[in-house]
Amino acid sequence: MKAPAIKVLALVLALWATGAQAALQQVQLVCDAVYMPTRSSWSRVVDIGYDQKRVRSVSIDGVPVYTFAIAETVIMTALDNERIQIDTASQTWTSDFRGQATGQGRCERATP
């Protein structure tokens, strides 16, 4: 009797996971950041996964970030030694390499 119950539970979980994935949406931002003091320019790609309730995932240049925080319209995270803030309302990128260098730039929503 345990085997059918486990199969039903597996089916319910699979259906729930499929529905949750269907509700997940994604937006991609392309940010052109200028890093000082070297004045080098990098194009950074930010993928933001979200559903109707909240932001679920953030990745930068294809690398998922370990953790992130949201304050109003700003996503704050870090990747390696770079502390990053992405303002989704003003579409700006700001970052800091522990006081050694800074980055600032504009972001645009990528077209599909």
PDB file of N, CA and C in Angstrom:
ATOM      1  N   MET A   1       0.811  -1.200   0.000  1.00  0.00           N
ATOM      2  CA  MET A   1       0.000   0.000   0.000  1.00  0.00           C
ATOM      3  C   MET A   1       0.858   1.270   0.000  1.00  0.00           C
ATOM      4  N   LYS A   2       2.114   1.170   0.435  1.00  0.00           N
ATOM      5  CA  LYS A   2       2.959   2.351   0.489  1.00  0.00           C
ATOM      6  C   LYS A   2       3.387   2.796  -0.903  1.00  0.00           C
ATOM      7  N   ALA A   3       3.617   1.862  -1.790  1.00  0.00           N
ATOM      8  CA  ALA A   3       4.097   2.204  -3.124  1.00  0.00           C
ATOM      9  C   ALA A   3       3.116   3.106  -3.879  1.00  0.00           C
ATOM     10  N   PRO A   4       1.786   2.810  -3.916  1.00  0.00           N
ATOM     11  CA  PRO A   4       0.869   3.719  -4.612  1.00  0.00           C
ATOM     12  C   PRO A   4       0.841   5.114  -3.989  1.00  0.00           C
ATOM     13  N   ALA A   5       0.933   5.199  -2.669  1.00  0.00           N
ATOM     14  CA  ALA A   5       0.927   6.503  -2.007  1.00  0.00           C
ATOM     15  C   ALA A   5       2.157   7.311  -2.406  1.00  0.00           C
ATOM     16  N   ILE A   6       3.296   6.652  -2.514  1.00  0.00           N
ATOM     17  CA  ILE A   6       4.526   7.336  -2.916  1.00  0.00           C
ATOM     18  C   ILE A   6       4.415   7.797  -4.367  1.00  0.00           C
ATOM     19  N   LYS A   7       3.819   6.980  -5.237  1.00  0.00           N
ATOM     20  CA  LYS A   7       3.647   7.367  -6.635  1.00  0.00           C
ATOM     21  C   LYS A   7       2.719   8.573  -6.761  1.00  0.00           C
ATOM     22  N   VAL A   8       1.645   8.587  -5.968  1.00  0.00           N
ATOM     23  CA  VAL A   8       0.719   9.719  -5.999  1.00  0.00           C
ATOM     24  C   VAL A   8       1.425  10.980  -5.515  1.00  0.00           C
ATOM     25  N   LEU A   9       2.188  10.861  -4.427  1.00  0.00           N
ATOM     26  CA  LEU A   9       2.920  12.009  -3.901  1.00  0.00           C
ATOM     27  C   LEU A   9       3.922  12.522  -4.936  1.00  0.00           C
ATOM     28  N   ALA A  10       4.615  11.617  -5.605  1.00  0.00           N
ATOM     29  CA  ALA A  10       5.580  12.015  -6.635  1.00  0.00           C
ATOM     30  C   ALA A  10       4.880  12.732  -7.782  1.00  0.00           C
ATOM     31  N   LEU A  11       3.696  12.243  -8.160  1.00  0.00           N
ATOM     32  CA  LEU A  11       2.941  12.882  -9.244  1.00  0.00           C
ATOM     33  C   LEU A  11       2.483  14.279  -8.830  1.00  0.00           C
ATOM     34  N   VAL A  12       1.990  14.422  -7.596  1.00  0.00           N
ATOM     35  CA  VAL A  12       1.540  15.729  -7.103  1.00  0.00           C
ATOM     36  C   VAL A  12       2.711  16.704  -7.065  1.00  0.00           C
ATOM     37  N   LEU A  13       3.863  16.262  -6.575  1.00  0.00           N
ATOM     38  CA  LEU A  13       5.039  17.126  -6.524  1.00  0.00           C
ATOM     39  C   LEU A  13       5.502  17.518  -7.919  1.00  0.00           C
ATOM     40  N   ALA A  14       5.454  16.591  -8.854  1.00  0.00           N
ATOM     41  CA  ALA A  14       5.850  16.900 -10.230  1.00  0.00           C
ATOM     42  C   ALA A  14       4.910  17.923 -10.857  1.00  0.00           C
ATOM     43  N   LEU A  15       3.611  17.766 -10.635  1.00  0.00           N
ATOM     44  CA  LEU A  15       2.650  18.730 -11.170  1.00  0.00           C
ATOM     45  C   LEU A  15       2.825  20.094 -10.523  1.00  0.00           C
ATOM     46  N   TRP A  16       3.059  20.107  -9.215  1.00  0.00           N
ATOM     47  CA  TRP A  16       3.270  21.376  -8.513  1.00  0.00           C
ATOM     48  C   TRP A  16       4.526  22.062  -9.024  1.00  0.00           C
ATOM     49  N   ALA A  17       5.605  21.306  -9.204  1.00  0.00           N
ATOM     50  CA  ALA A  17       6.863  21.890  -9.692  1.00  0.00           C
ATOM     51  C   ALA A  17       6.681  22.444 -11.095  1.00  0.00           C
ATOM     52  N   THR A  18       5.942  21.757 -11.943  1.00  0.00           N
ATOM     53  CA  THR A  18       5.697  22.236 -13.298  1.00  0.00           C
ATOM     54  C   THR A  18       4.916  23.544 -13.275  1.00  0.00           C
ATOM     55  N   GLY A  19       3.915  23.638 -12.427  1.00  0.00           N
ATOM     56  CA  GLY A  19       3.134  24.867 -12.296  1.00  0.00           C
ATOM     57  C   GLY A  19       3.968  26.001 -11.749  1.00  0.00           C
ATOM     58  N   ALA A  20       4.837  25.716 -10.787  1.00  0.00           N
ATOM     59  CA  ALA A  20       5.688  26.755 -10.212  1.00  0.00           C
ATOM     60  C   ALA A  20       6.677  27.270 -11.250  1.00  0.00           C
ATOM     61  N   GLN A  21       7.199  26.377 -12.074  1.00  0.00           N
ATOM     62  CA  GLN A  21       8.141  26.807 -13.090  1.00  0.00           C
ATOM     63  C   GLN A  21       7.453  27.620 -14.174  1.00  0.00           C
ATOM     64  N   ALA A  22       6.211  27.278 -14.483  1.00  0.00           N
ATOM     65  CA  ALA A  22       5.499  28.017 -15.515  1.00  0.00           C
ATOM     66  C   ALA A  22       5.224  29.449 -15.066  1.00  0.00           C
ATOM     67  N   ALA A  23       5.027  29.655 -13.761  1.00  0.00           N
ATOM     68  CA  ALA A  23       4.732  30.986 -13.251  1.00  0.00           C
ATOM     69  C   ALA A  23       5.994  31.840 -13.138  1.00  0.00           C
ATOM     70  N   LEU A  24       7.153  31.217 -13.137  1.00  0.00           N
ATOM     71  CA  LEU A  24       8.410  31.951 -13.014  1.00  0.00           C
ATOM     72  C   LEU A  24       8.708  32.674 -14.321  1.00  0.00           C
ATOM     73  N   GLN A  25       8.966  33.978 -14.206  1.00  0.00           N
ATOM     74  CA  GLN A  25       9.300  34.775 -15.375  1.00  0.00           C
ATOM     75  C   GLN A  25      10.720  35.290 -15.222  1.00  0.00           C
ATOM     76  N   GLN A  26      11.289  35.749 -16.311  1.00  0.00           N
ATOM     77  CA  GLN A  26      12.662  36.229 -16.265  1.00  0.00           C
ATOM     78  C   GLN A  26      12.821  37.486 -17.109  1.00  0.00           C
ATOM     79  N   VAL A  27      13.641  38.386 -16.596  1.00  0.00           N
ATOM     80  CA  VAL A  27      13.991  39.583 -17.346  1.00  0.00           C
ATOM     81  C   VAL A  27      15.511  39.653 -17.396  1.00  0.00           C
ATOM     82  N   GLN A  28      16.029  40.124 -18.511  1.00  0.00           N
ATOM     83  CA  GLN A  28      17.476  40.245 -18.659  1.00  0.00           C
ATOM     84  C   GLN A  28      17.833  41.707 -18.877  1.00  0.00           C
ATOM     85  N   LEU A  29      18.781  42.182 -18.081  1.00  0.00           N
ATOM     86  CA  LEU A  29      19.304  43.533 -18.228  1.00  0.00           C
ATOM     87  C   LEU A  29      20.726  43.453 -18.745  1.00  0.00           C
ATOM     88  N   VAL A  30      21.076  44.326 -19.659  1.00  0.00           N
ATOM     89  CA  VAL A  30      22.458  44.458 -20.128  1.00  0.00           C
ATOM     90  C   VAL A  30      22.950  45.802 -19.605  1.00  0.00           C
ATOM     91  N   CYS A  31      23.969  45.738 -18.745  1.00  0.00           N
ATOM     92  CA  CYS A  31      24.485  46.949 -18.104  1.00  0.00           C
ATOM     93  C   CYS A  31      25.882  47.252 -18.638  1.00  0.00           C
ATOM     94  N   ASP A  32      26.075  48.470 -19.103  1.00  0.00           N
ATOM     95  CA  ASP A  32      27.388  48.919 -19.557  1.00  0.00           C
ATOM     96  C   ASP A  32      28.013  49.714 -18.422  1.00  0.00           C
ATOM     97  N   ALA A  33      28.950  49.082 -17.722  1.00  0.00           N
ATOM     98  CA  ALA A  33      29.570  49.690 -16.543  1.00  0.00           C
ATOM     99  C   ALA A  33      30.979  50.160 -16.873  1.00  0.00           C
ATOM    100  N   VAL A  34      31.309  51.333 -16.359  1.00  0.00           N
ATOM    101  CA  VAL A  34      32.664  51.882 -16.489  1.00  0.00           C
ATOM    102  C   VAL A  34      33.324  51.770 -15.126  1.00  0.00           C
ATOM    103  N   TYR A  35      34.490  51.138 -15.098  1.00  0.00           N
ATOM    104  CA  TYR A  35      35.201  50.911 -13.841  1.00  0.00           C
ATOM    105  C   TYR A  35      36.335  51.918 -13.687  1.00  0.00           C
ATOM    106  N   MET A  36      36.349  52.571 -12.542  1.00  0.00           N
ATOM    107  CA  MET A  36      37.383  53.565 -12.227  1.00  0.00           C
ATOM    108  C   MET A  36      38.317  52.981 -11.181  1.00  0.00           C
ATOM    109  N   PRO A  37      39.555  53.267 -11.148  1.00  0.00           N
ATOM    110  CA  PRO A  37      40.249  54.350 -11.834  1.00  0.00           C
ATOM    111  C   PRO A  37      40.781  53.986 -13.215  1.00  0.00           C
ATOM    112  N   THR A  38      40.596  52.756 -13.679  1.00  0.00           N
ATOM    113  CA  THR A  38      41.193  52.355 -14.960  1.00  0.00           C
ATOM    114  C   THR A  38      40.399  52.823 -16.181  1.00  0.00           C
ATOM    115  N   ARG A  39      39.169  53.254 -15.963  1.00  0.00           N
ATOM    116  CA  ARG A  39      38.281  53.686 -17.038  1.00  0.00           C
ATOM    117  C   ARG A  39      38.000  52.583 -18.056  1.00  0.00           C
ATOM    118  N   SER A  40      37.985  51.354 -17.581  1.00  0.00           N
ATOM    119  CA  SER A  40      37.655  50.239 -18.465  1.00  0.00           C
ATOM    120  C   SER A  40      36.139  50.041 -18.482  1.00  0.00           C
ATOM    121  N   SER A  41      35.631  49.631 -19.623  1.00  0.00           N
ATOM    122  CA  SER A  41      34.193  49.451 -19.798  1.00  0.00           C
ATOM    123  C   SER A  41      33.886  47.969 -19.963  1.00  0.00           C
ATOM    124  N   TRP A  42      32.896  47.493 -19.206  1.00  0.00           N
ATOM    125  CA  TRP A  42      32.471  46.096 -19.298  1.00  0.00           C
ATOM    126  C   TRP A  42      30.974  46.051 -19.533  1.00  0.00           C
ATOM    127  N   SER A  43      30.547  45.143 -20.343  1.00  0.00           N
ATOM    128  CA  SER A  43      29.128  44.884 -20.515  1.00  0.00           C
ATOM    129  C   SER A  43      28.768  43.733 -19.584  1.00  0.00           C
ATOM    130  N   ARG A  44      27.844  43.969 -18.655  1.00  0.00           N
ATOM    131  CA  ARG A  44      27.443  42.966 -17.665  1.00  0.00           C
ATOM    132  C   ARG A  44      26.003  42.545 -17.952  1.00  0.00           C
ATOM    133  N   VAL A  45      25.747  41.254 -17.930  1.00  0.00           N
ATOM    134  CA  VAL A  45      24.413  40.723 -18.199  1.00  0.00           C
ATOM    135  C   VAL A  45      23.818  40.230 -16.887  1.00  0.00           C
ATOM    136  N   VAL A  46      22.648  40.759 -16.541  1.00  0.00           N
ATOM    137  CA  VAL A  46      21.972  40.420 -15.290  1.00  0.00           C
ATOM    138  C   VAL A  46      20.662  39.725 -15.627  1.00  0.00           C
ATOM    139  N   ASP A  47      20.489  38.495 -15.138  1.00  0.00           N
ATOM    140  CA  ASP A  47      19.242  37.754 -15.309  1.00  0.00           C
ATOM    141  C   ASP A  47      18.512  37.749 -13.974  1.00  0.00           C
ATOM    142  N   ILE A  48      17.243  38.194 -13.987  1.00  0.00           N
ATOM    143  CA  ILE A  48      16.441  38.264 -12.777  1.00  0.00           C
ATOM    144  C   ILE A  48      15.223  37.370 -12.969  1.00  0.00           C
ATOM    145  N   GLY A  49      15.105  36.340 -12.145  1.00  0.00           N
ATOM    146  CA  GLY A  49      13.950  35.445 -12.182  1.00  0.00           C
ATOM    147  C   GLY A  49      12.970  35.859 -11.096  1.00  0.00           C
ATOM    148  N   TYR A  50      11.688  35.947 -11.444  1.00  0.00           N
ATOM    149  CA  TYR A  50      10.701  36.417 -10.477  1.00  0.00           C
ATOM    150  C   TYR A  50       9.359  35.739 -10.733  1.00  0.00           C
ATOM    151  N   ASP A  51       8.496  35.795  -9.724  1.00  0.00           N
ATOM    152  CA  ASP A  51       7.123  35.363  -9.887  1.00  0.00           C
ATOM    153  C   ASP A  51       6.220  36.498  -9.417  1.00  0.00           C
ATOM    154  N   GLN A  52       4.966  36.226  -9.169  1.00  0.00           N
ATOM    155  CA  GLN A  52       4.043  37.287  -8.784  1.00  0.00           C
ATOM    156  C   GLN A  52       4.326  37.844  -7.392  1.00  0.00           C
ATOM    157  N   LYS A  53       5.093  37.105  -6.582  1.00  0.00           N
ATOM    158  CA  LYS A  53       5.319  37.536  -5.205  1.00  0.00           C
ATOM    159  C   LYS A  53       6.660  38.204  -4.982  1.00  0.00           C
ATOM    160  N   ARG A  54       7.730  37.688  -5.614  1.00  0.00           N
ATOM    161  CA  ARG A  54       9.046  38.224  -5.305  1.00  0.00           C
ATOM    162  C   ARG A  54      10.084  37.793  -6.326  1.00  0.00           C
ATOM    163  N   VAL A  55      11.272  38.385  -6.204  1.00  0.00           N
ATOM    164  CA  VAL A  55      12.415  37.986  -7.011  1.00  0.00           C
ATOM    165  C   VAL A  55      12.914  36.652  -6.465  1.00  0.00           C
ATOM    166  N   ARG A  56      13.090  35.681  -7.329  1.00  0.00           N
ATOM    167  CA  ARG A  56      13.499  34.335  -6.922  1.00  0.00           C
ATOM    168  C   ARG A  56      14.973  34.049  -7.176  1.00  0.00           C
ATOM    169  N   SER A  57      15.536  34.652  -8.232  1.00  0.00           N
ATOM    170  CA  SER A  57      16.933  34.352  -8.559  1.00  0.00           C
ATOM    171  C   SER A  57      17.577  35.532  -9.264  1.00  0.00           C
ATOM    172  N   VAL A  58      18.886  35.632  -9.097  1.00  0.00           N
ATOM    173  CA  VAL A  58      19.682  36.647  -9.773  1.00  0.00           C
ATOM    174  C   VAL A  58      20.966  35.986 -10.230  1.00  0.00           C
ATOM    175  N   SER A  59      21.342  36.229 -11.468  1.00  0.00           N
ATOM    176  CA  SER A  59      22.650  35.775 -11.937  1.00  0.00           C
ATOM    177  C   SER A  59      23.289  36.913 -12.724  1.00  0.00           C
ATOM    178  N   ILE A  60      24.599  36.984 -12.626  1.00  0.00           N
ATOM    179  CA  ILE A  60      25.356  38.028 -13.296  1.00  0.00           C
ATOM    180  C   ILE A  60      26.388  37.362 -14.196  1.00  0.00           C
ATOM    181  N   ASP A  61      26.346  37.704 -15.466  1.00  0.00           N
ATOM    182  CA  ASP A  61      27.239  37.104 -16.465  1.00  0.00           C
ATOM    183  C   ASP A  61      27.146  35.583 -16.446  1.00  0.00           C
ATOM    184  N   GLY A  62      25.935  35.068 -16.238  1.00  0.00           N
ATOM    185  CA  GLY A  62      25.701  33.633 -16.244  1.00  0.00           C
ATOM    186  C   GLY A  62      26.050  32.919 -14.945  1.00  0.00           C
ATOM    187  N   VAL A  63      26.513  33.647 -13.950  1.00  0.00           N
ATOM    188  CA  VAL A  63      26.889  33.051 -12.661  1.00  0.00           C
ATOM    189  C   VAL A  63      25.811  33.374 -11.626  1.00  0.00           C
ATOM    190  N   PRO A  64      25.134  32.359 -11.091  1.00  0.00           N
ATOM    191  CA  PRO A  64      24.127  32.638 -10.062  1.00  0.00           C
ATOM    192  C   PRO A  64      24.795  33.215  -8.815  1.00  0.00           C
ATOM    193  N   VAL A  65      24.195  34.272  -8.264  1.00  0.00           N
ATOM    194  CA  VAL A  65      24.746  34.846  -7.042  1.00  0.00           C
ATOM    195  C   VAL A  65      24.312  33.996  -5.865  1.00  0.00           C
ATOM    196  N   TYR A  66      25.122  33.979  -4.828  1.00  0.00           N
ATOM    197  CA  TYR A  66      24.837  33.153  -3.665  1.00  0.00           C
ATOM    198  C   TYR A  66      23.647  33.694  -2.885  1.00  0.00           C
ATOM    199  N   THR A  67      23.607  34.992  -2.695  1.00  0.00           N
ATOM    200  CA  THR A  67      22.509  35.622  -1.962  1.00  0.00           C
ATOM    201  C   THR A  67      22.310  37.041  -2.479  1.00  0.00           C
ATOM    202  N   PHE A  68      21.121  37.567  -2.269  1.00  0.00           N
ATOM    203  CA  PHE A  68      20.829  38.936  -2.659  1.00  0.00           C
ATOM    204  C   PHE A  68      19.784  39.494  -1.712  1.00  0.00           C
ATOM    205  N   ALA A  69      19.707  40.818  -1.675  1.00  0.00           N
ATOM    206  CA  ALA A  69      18.711  41.514  -0.867  1.00  0.00           C
ATOM    207  C   ALA A  69      18.012  42.535  -1.747  1.00  0.00           C
ATOM    208  N   ILE A  70      16.774  42.830  -1.390  1.00  0.00           N
ATOM    209  CA  ILE A  70      15.978  43.795  -2.144  1.00  0.00           C
ATOM    210  C   ILE A  70      15.602  44.941  -1.209  1.00  0.00           C
ATOM    211  N   ALA A  71      15.820  46.175  -1.661  1.00  0.00           N
ATOM    212  CA  ALA A  71      15.378  47.363  -0.940  1.00  0.00           C
ATOM    213  C   ALA A  71      14.663  48.251  -1.951  1.00  0.00           C
ATOM    214  N   GLU A  72      13.332  48.304  -1.842  1.00  0.00           N
ATOM    215  CA  GLU A  72      12.517  49.054  -2.807  1.00  0.00           C
ATOM    216  C   GLU A  72      12.760  48.497  -4.208  1.00  0.00           C
ATOM    217  N   THR A  73      13.449  49.233  -5.064  1.00  0.00           N
ATOM    218  CA  THR A  73      13.695  48.789  -6.442  1.00  0.00           C
ATOM    219  C   THR A  73      15.152  48.390  -6.671  1.00  0.00           C
ATOM    220  N   VAL A  74      15.941  48.309  -5.598  1.00  0.00           N
ATOM    221  CA  VAL A  74      17.376  48.031  -5.716  1.00  0.00           C
ATOM    222  C   VAL A  74      17.664  46.583  -5.317  1.00  0.00           C
ATOM    223  N   ILE A  75      18.404  45.895  -6.177  1.00  0.00           N
ATOM    224  CA  ILE A  75      18.900  44.558  -5.868  1.00  0.00           C
ATOM    225  C   ILE A  75      20.345  44.715  -5.430  1.00  0.00           C
ATOM    226  N   MET A  76      20.661  44.230  -4.221  1.00  0.00           N
ATOM    227  CA  MET A  76      22.026  44.297  -3.690  1.00  0.00           C
ATOM    228  C   MET A  76      22.577  42.887  -3.577  1.00  0.00           C
ATOM    229  N   THR A  77      23.776  42.703  -4.106  1.00  0.00           N
ATOM    230  CA  THR A  77      24.397  41.387  -4.068  1.00  0.00           C
ATOM    231  C   THR A  77      25.910  41.547  -4.167  1.00  0.00           C
ATOM    232  N   ALA A  78      26.604  40.448  -4.236  1.00  0.00           N
ATOM    233  CA  ALA A  78      28.056  40.462  -4.406  1.00  0.00           C
ATOM    234  C   ALA A  78      28.459  39.268  -5.262  1.00  0.00           C
ATOM    235  N   LEU A  79      29.508  39.475  -6.018  1.00  0.00           N
ATOM    236  CA  LEU A  79      30.068  38.412  -6.845  1.00  0.00           C
ATOM    237  C   LEU A  79      31.580  38.548  -6.755  1.00  0.00           C
ATOM    238  N   ASP A  80      32.232  37.526  -6.259  1.00  0.00           N
ATOM    239  CA  ASP A  80      33.652  37.575  -5.941  1.00  0.00           C
ATOM    240  C   ASP A  80      33.881  38.720  -4.945  1.00  0.00           C
ATOM    241  N   ASN A  81      34.730  39.662  -5.237  1.00  0.00           N
ATOM    242  CA  ASN A  81      34.980  40.787  -4.319  1.00  0.00           C
ATOM    243  C   ASN A  81      34.214  42.045  -4.716  1.00  0.00           C
ATOM    244  N   GLU A  82      33.296  41.922  -5.647  1.00  0.00           N
ATOM    245  CA  GLU A  82      32.556  43.088  -6.130  1.00  0.00           C
ATOM    246  C   GLU A  82      31.183  43.159  -5.458  1.00  0.00           C
ATOM    247  N   ARG A  83      30.936  44.231  -4.744  1.00  0.00           N
ATOM    248  CA  ARG A  83      29.614  44.492  -4.164  1.00  0.00           C
ATOM    249  C   ARG A  83      28.805  45.266  -5.201  1.00  0.00           C
ATOM    250  N   ILE A  84      27.619  44.755  -5.525  1.00  0.00           N
ATOM    251  CA  ILE A  84      26.855  45.260  -6.661  1.00  0.00           C
ATOM    252  C   ILE A  84      25.480  45.731  -6.225  1.00  0.00           C
ATOM    253  N   GLN A  85      25.048  46.874  -6.783  1.00  0.00           N
ATOM    254  CA  GLN A  85      23.697  47.378  -6.593  1.00  0.00           C
ATOM    255  C   GLN A  85      23.106  47.683  -7.966  1.00  0.00           C
ATOM    256  N   ILE A  86      21.956  47.087  -8.241  1.00  0.00           N
ATOM    257  CA  ILE A  86      21.272  47.296  -9.504  1.00  0.00           C
ATOM    258  C   ILE A  86      19.924  47.927  -9.188  1.00  0.00           C
ATOM    259  N   ASP A  87      19.728  49.150  -9.638  1.00  0.00           N
ATOM    260  CA  ASP A  87      18.457  49.834  -9.429  1.00  0.00           C
ATOM    261  C   ASP A  87      17.585  49.563 -10.647  1.00  0.00           C
ATOM    262  N   THR A  88      16.535  48.783 -10.456  1.00  0.00           N
ATOM    263  CA  THR A  88      15.691  48.395 -11.579  1.00  0.00           C
ATOM    264  C   THR A  88      14.767  49.521 -12.035  1.00  0.00           C
ATOM    265  N   ALA A  89      14.514  50.506 -11.169  1.00  0.00           N
ATOM    266  CA  ALA A  89      13.657  51.633 -11.558  1.00  0.00           C
ATOM    267  C   ALA A  89      14.420  52.627 -12.428  1.00  0.00           C
ATOM    268  N   SER A  90      15.591  53.044 -11.963  1.00  0.00           N
ATOM    269  CA  SER A  90      16.385  54.000 -12.755  1.00  0.00           C
ATOM    270  C   SER A  90      17.314  53.298 -13.735  1.00  0.00           C
ATOM    271  N   GLN A  91      17.332  51.970 -13.710  1.00  0.00           N
ATOM    272  CA  GLN A  91      18.152  51.128 -14.575  1.00  0.00           C
ATOM    273  C   GLN A  91      19.617  51.549 -14.542  1.00  0.00           C
ATOM    274  N   THR A  92      20.184  51.481 -13.338  1.00  0.00           N
ATOM    275  CA  THR A  92      21.594  51.822 -13.155  1.00  0.00           C
ATOM    276  C   THR A  92      22.331  50.704 -12.438  1.00  0.00           C
ATOM    277  N   TRP A  93      23.617  50.630 -12.684  1.00  0.00           N
ATOM    278  CA  TRP A  93      24.540  49.669 -12.077  1.00  0.00           C
ATOM    279  C   TRP A  93      25.544  50.464 -11.258  1.00  0.00           C
ATOM    280  N   THR A  94      25.745  50.064 -10.017  1.00  0.00           N
ATOM    281  CA  THR A  94      26.777  50.650  -9.171  1.00  0.00           C
ATOM    282  C   THR A  94      27.486  49.500  -8.477  1.00  0.00           C
ATOM    283  N   SER A  95      28.818  49.545  -8.457  1.00  0.00           N
ATOM    284  CA  SER A  95      29.550  48.479  -7.779  1.00  0.00           C
ATOM    285  C   SER A  95      30.826  49.022  -7.150  1.00  0.00           C
ATOM    286  N   ASP A  96      31.366  48.216  -6.256  1.00  0.00           N
ATOM    287  CA  ASP A  96      32.542  48.627  -5.490  1.00  0.00           C
ATOM    288  C   ASP A  96      33.397  47.392  -5.215  1.00  0.00           C
ATOM    289  N   PHE A  97      34.682  47.501  -5.457  1.00  0.00           N
ATOM    290  CA  PHE A  97      35.630  46.419  -5.176  1.00  0.00           C
ATOM    291  C   PHE A  97      36.338  46.707  -3.853  1.00  0.00           C
ATOM    292  N   ARG A  98      35.587  46.683  -2.780  1.00  0.00           N
ATOM    293  CA  ARG A  98      36.129  46.881  -1.427  1.00  0.00           C
ATOM    294  C   ARG A  98      36.982  48.141  -1.326  1.00  0.00           C
ATOM    295  N   GLY A  99      36.529  49.209  -1.988  1.00  0.00           N
ATOM    296  CA  GLY A  99      37.214  50.485  -1.903  1.00  0.00           C
ATOM    297  C   GLY A  99      38.390  50.649  -2.856  1.00  0.00           C
ATOM    298  N   GLN A 100      38.748  49.615  -3.594  1.00  0.00           N
ATOM    299  CA  GLN A 100      39.888  49.685  -4.514  1.00  0.00           C
ATOM    300  C   GLN A 100      39.506  50.213  -5.887  1.00  0.00           C
ATOM    301  N   ALA A 101      38.276  49.960  -6.300  1.00  0.00           N
ATOM    302  CA  ALA A 101      37.779  50.417  -7.593  1.00  0.00           C
ATOM    303  C   ALA A 101      36.265  50.508  -7.519  1.00  0.00           C
ATOM    304  N   THR A 102      35.680  51.305  -8.395  1.00  0.00           N
ATOM    305  CA  THR A 102      34.229  51.451  -8.442  1.00  0.00           C
ATOM    306  C   THR A 102      33.747  51.306  -9.869  1.00  0.00           C
ATOM    307  N   GLY A 103      32.478  50.959  -9.994  1.00  0.00           N
ATOM    308  CA  GLY A 103      31.872  50.849 -11.307  1.00  0.00           C
ATOM    309  C   GLY A 103      30.514  51.517 -11.315  1.00  0.00           C
ATOM    310  N   GLN A 104      30.205  52.184 -12.417  1.00  0.00           N
ATOM    311  CA  GLN A 104      28.898  52.820 -12.585  1.00  0.00           C
ATOM    312  C   GLN A 104      28.482  52.680 -14.030  1.00  0.00           C
ATOM    313  N   GLY A 105      27.177  52.531 -14.246  1.00  0.00           N
ATOM    314  CA  GLY A 105      26.718  52.438 -15.620  1.00  0.00           C
ATOM    315  C   GLY A 105      25.216  52.404 -15.745  1.00  0.00           C
ATOM    316  N   ARG A 106      24.769  52.366 -16.985  1.00  0.00           N
ATOM    317  CA  ARG A 106      23.355  52.312 -17.324  1.00  0.00           C
ATOM    318  C   ARG A 106      23.009  50.899 -17.762  1.00  0.00           C
ATOM    319  N   CYS A 107      21.757  50.523 -17.495  1.00  0.00           N
ATOM    320  CA  CYS A 107      21.268  49.210 -17.889  1.00  0.00           C
ATOM    321  C   CYS A 107      20.089  49.378 -18.849  1.00  0.00           C
ATOM    322  N   GLU A 108      19.957  48.422 -19.741  1.00  0.00           N
ATOM    323  CA  GLU A 108      18.817  48.379 -20.648  1.00  0.00           C
ATOM    324  C   GLU A 108      18.250  46.969 -20.644  1.00  0.00           C
ATOM    325  N   ARG A 109      16.954  46.898 -20.760  1.00  0.00           N
ATOM    326  CA  ARG A 109      16.301  45.596 -20.835  1.00  0.00           C
ATOM    327  C   ARG A 109      16.619  44.962 -22.172  1.00  0.00           C
ATOM    328  N   ALA A 110      17.086  43.717 -22.144  1.00  0.00           N
ATOM    329  CA  ALA A 110      17.439  43.006 -23.372  1.00  0.00           C
ATOM    330  C   ALA A 110      16.170  42.634 -24.114  1.00  0.00           C
ATOM    331  N   THR A 111      16.206  42.736 -25.412  1.00  0.00           N
ATOM    332  CA  THR A 111      15.055  42.334 -26.218  1.00  0.00           C
ATOM    333  C   THR A 111      15.168  40.848 -26.525  1.00  0.00           C
ATOM    334  N   PRO A 112      14.048  40.150 -26.456  1.00  0.00           N
ATOM    335  CA  PRO A 112      14.082  38.693 -26.691  1.00  0.00           C
ATOM    336  C   PRO A 112      14.400  38.319 -28.103  1.00  0.00           C
TER     337      PRO A 112
END
